[in-house]
C-alpha atoms as a PDB file:
ATOM      1  CA  UNK A   1      -2.380 166.067 179.647  1.00  0.00           C
ATOM      2  CA  UNK A   2      -5.893 164.707 179.664  1.00  0.00           C
ATOM      3  CA  UNK A   3      -5.878 164.685 175.847  1.00  0.00           C
ATOM      4  CA  UNK A   4      -2.588 162.773 175.796  1.00  0.00           C
ATOM      5  CA  UNK A   5      -3.853 160.281 178.373  1.00  0.00           C
ATOM      6  CA  UNK A   6      -7.144 159.836 176.469  1.00  0.00           C
ATOM      7  CA  UNK A   7      -5.310 159.167 173.213  1.00  0.00           C
ATOM      8  CA  UNK A   8      -2.946 156.683 174.865  1.00  0.00           C
ATOM      9  CA  UNK A   9      -5.919 154.930 176.502  1.00  0.00           C
ATOM     10  CA  UNK A  10      -7.758 154.721 173.172  1.00  0.00           C
ATOM     11  CA  UNK A  11      -4.668 153.368 171.379  1.00  0.00           C
ATOM     12  CA  UNK A  12      -3.540 151.064 174.201  1.00  0.00           C
ATOM     13  CA  UNK A  13      -0.215 152.924 174.316  1.00  0.00           C
ATOM     14  CA  UNK A  14       1.803 153.013 177.554  1.00  0.00           C
ATOM     15  CA  UNK A  15       2.348 156.280 179.404  1.00  0.00           C
ATOM     16  CA  UNK A  16       6.115 155.880 179.264  1.00  0.00           C
ATOM     17  CA  UNK A  17       7.871 156.438 175.943  1.00  0.00           C
ATOM     18  CA  UNK A  18      11.619 156.248 176.708  1.00  0.00           C
ATOM     19  CA  UNK A  19      12.665 156.726 173.084  1.00  0.00           C
ATOM     20  CA  UNK A  20      10.621 159.940 172.735  1.00  0.00           C
ATOM     21  CA  UNK A  21      11.819 161.190 176.112  1.00  0.00           C
ATOM     22  CA  UNK A  22      15.444 160.642 175.086  1.00  0.00           C
ATOM     23  CA  UNK A  23      14.924 162.633 171.873  1.00  0.00           C
ATOM     24  CA  UNK A  24      13.272 165.491 173.778  1.00  0.00           C
ATOM     25  CA  UNK A  25      16.011 165.621 176.392  1.00  0.00           C
ATOM     26  CA  UNK A  26      18.759 165.664 173.777  1.00  0.00           C
ATOM     27  CA  UNK A  27      16.902 168.397 171.895  1.00  0.00           C
ATOM     28  CA  UNK A  28      16.556 170.573 174.994  1.00  0.00           C
ATOM     29  CA  UNK A  29      20.257 170.177 175.758  1.00  0.00           C
ATOM     30  CA  UNK A  30      21.110 171.391 172.261  1.00  0.00           C
ATOM     31  CA  UNK A  31      18.741 174.341 172.503  1.00  0.00           C
ATOM     32  CA  UNK A  32      20.122 175.300 175.891  1.00  0.00           C
ATOM     33  CA  UNK A  33      23.664 175.311 174.544  1.00  0.00           C
ATOM     34  CA  UNK A  34      22.570 177.558 171.651  1.00  0.00           C
ATOM     35  CA  UNK A  35      21.278 180.112 174.142  1.00  0.00           C
ATOM     36  CA  UNK A  36      24.254 179.886 176.509  1.00  0.00           C
ATOM     37  CA  UNK A  37      22.246 178.064 179.159  1.00  0.00           C
ATOM     38  CA  UNK A  38      23.536 175.124 181.149  1.00  0.00           C
ATOM     39  CA  UNK A  39      22.505 172.029 179.136  1.00  0.00           C
ATOM     40  CA  UNK A  40      22.443 169.773 182.218  1.00  0.00           C
ATOM     41  CA  UNK A  41      20.130 172.156 184.077  1.00  0.00           C
ATOM     42  CA  UNK A  42      17.835 172.405 181.058  1.00  0.00           C
ATOM     43  CA  UNK A  43      17.810 168.600 180.825  1.00  0.00           C
ATOM     44  CA  UNK A  44      16.912 168.252 184.522  1.00  0.00           C
ATOM     45  CA  UNK A  45      14.135 170.818 184.169  1.00  0.00           C
ATOM     46  CA  UNK A  46      12.669 169.094 181.108  1.00  0.00           C
ATOM     47  CA  UNK A  47      12.975 165.666 182.751  1.00  0.00           C
ATOM     48  CA  UNK A  48      10.965 167.000 185.702  1.00  0.00           C
ATOM     49  CA  UNK A  49       8.318 168.367 183.307  1.00  0.00           C
ATOM     50  CA  UNK A  50       8.101 164.986 181.572  1.00  0.00           C
ATOM     51  CA  UNK A  51       7.703 163.183 184.899  1.00  0.00           C
ATOM     52  CA  UNK A  52       4.971 165.623 185.976  1.00  0.00           C
ATOM     53  CA  UNK A  53       3.139 165.068 182.683  1.00  0.00           C
ATOM     54  CA  UNK A  54       3.351 161.288 183.086  1.00  0.00           C
ATOM     55  CA  UNK A  55       2.069 161.558 186.666  1.00  0.00           C
ATOM     56  CA  UNK A  56      -0.971 163.458 185.430  1.00  0.00           C
ATOM     57  CA  UNK A  57      -1.561 160.925 182.662  1.00  0.00           C
ATOM     58  CA  UNK A  58      -1.387 158.067 185.173  1.00  0.00           C
ATOM     59  CA  UNK A  59      -3.825 159.880 187.474  1.00  0.00           C
ATOM     60  CA  UNK A  60      -6.357 160.267 184.657  1.00  0.00           C
ATOM     61  CA  UNK A  61      -5.944 156.645 183.604  1.00  0.00           C
ATOM     62  CA  UNK A  62      -6.302 155.400 187.191  1.00  0.00           C
ATOM     63  CA  UNK A  63      -9.470 157.453 187.685  1.00  0.00           C
ATOM     64  CA  UNK A  64      -7.842 159.664 190.325  1.00  0.00           C
ATOM     65  CA  UNK A  65      -8.634 162.768 188.263  1.00  0.00           C
ATOM     66  CA  UNK A  66     -11.923 163.438 186.462  1.00  0.00           C
ATOM     67  CA  UNK A  67     -11.734 163.458 182.677  1.00  0.00           C
ATOM     68  CA  UNK A  68     -12.516 166.872 181.178  1.00  0.00           C
ATOM     69  CA  UNK A  69     -15.079 166.997 178.383  1.00  0.00           C
ATOM     70  CA  UNK A  70     -12.296 167.817 175.932  1.00  0.00           C
ATOM     71  CA  UNK A  71     -10.913 164.303 176.389  1.00  0.00           C
ATOM     72  CA  UNK A  72     -14.141 162.654 175.156  1.00  0.00           C
ATOM     73  CA  UNK A  73     -12.867 162.768 171.570  1.00  0.00           C
ATOM     74  CA  UNK A  74      -9.083 162.376 171.853  1.00  0.00           C
ATOM     75  CA  UNK A  75      -6.969 164.486 169.532  1.00  0.00           C
ATOM     76  CA  UNK A  76      -4.389 162.451 167.577  1.00  0.00           C
ATOM     77  CA  UNK A  77      -1.127 162.406 169.512  1.00  0.00           C
ATOM     78  CA  UNK A  78       0.905 163.887 166.652  1.00  0.00           C
ATOM     79  CA  UNK A  79      -1.331 166.966 166.653  1.00  0.00           C
ATOM     80  CA  UNK A  80      -0.882 167.307 170.408  1.00  0.00           C
ATOM     81  CA  UNK A  81       2.883 166.926 170.083  1.00  0.00           C
ATOM     82  CA  UNK A  82       3.014 169.573 167.358  1.00  0.00           C
ATOM     83  CA  UNK A  83       1.252 171.985 169.706  1.00  0.00           C
ATOM     84  CA  UNK A  84       3.577 171.120 172.602  1.00  0.00           C
ATOM     85  CA  UNK A  85       6.775 171.220 170.578  1.00  0.00           C
END
């Protein structure tokens, strides 16, 4: 999450991205249904993961967590997203 926070800081992008979050949550519901899992439970789980990630990003940006060396040269967000997706 430090890489994501570093990229957002460099680009002046907010931590919250409601449009992206909506897409991810809809995607996880669809995947859950494909695997006979409860879509609403999968959505709740993913929403909690998203909130945890945003909390970490905010902590880095607020200086509450030390930046790791890997965040010195932020990786482009699309590359990070490809790795996470």
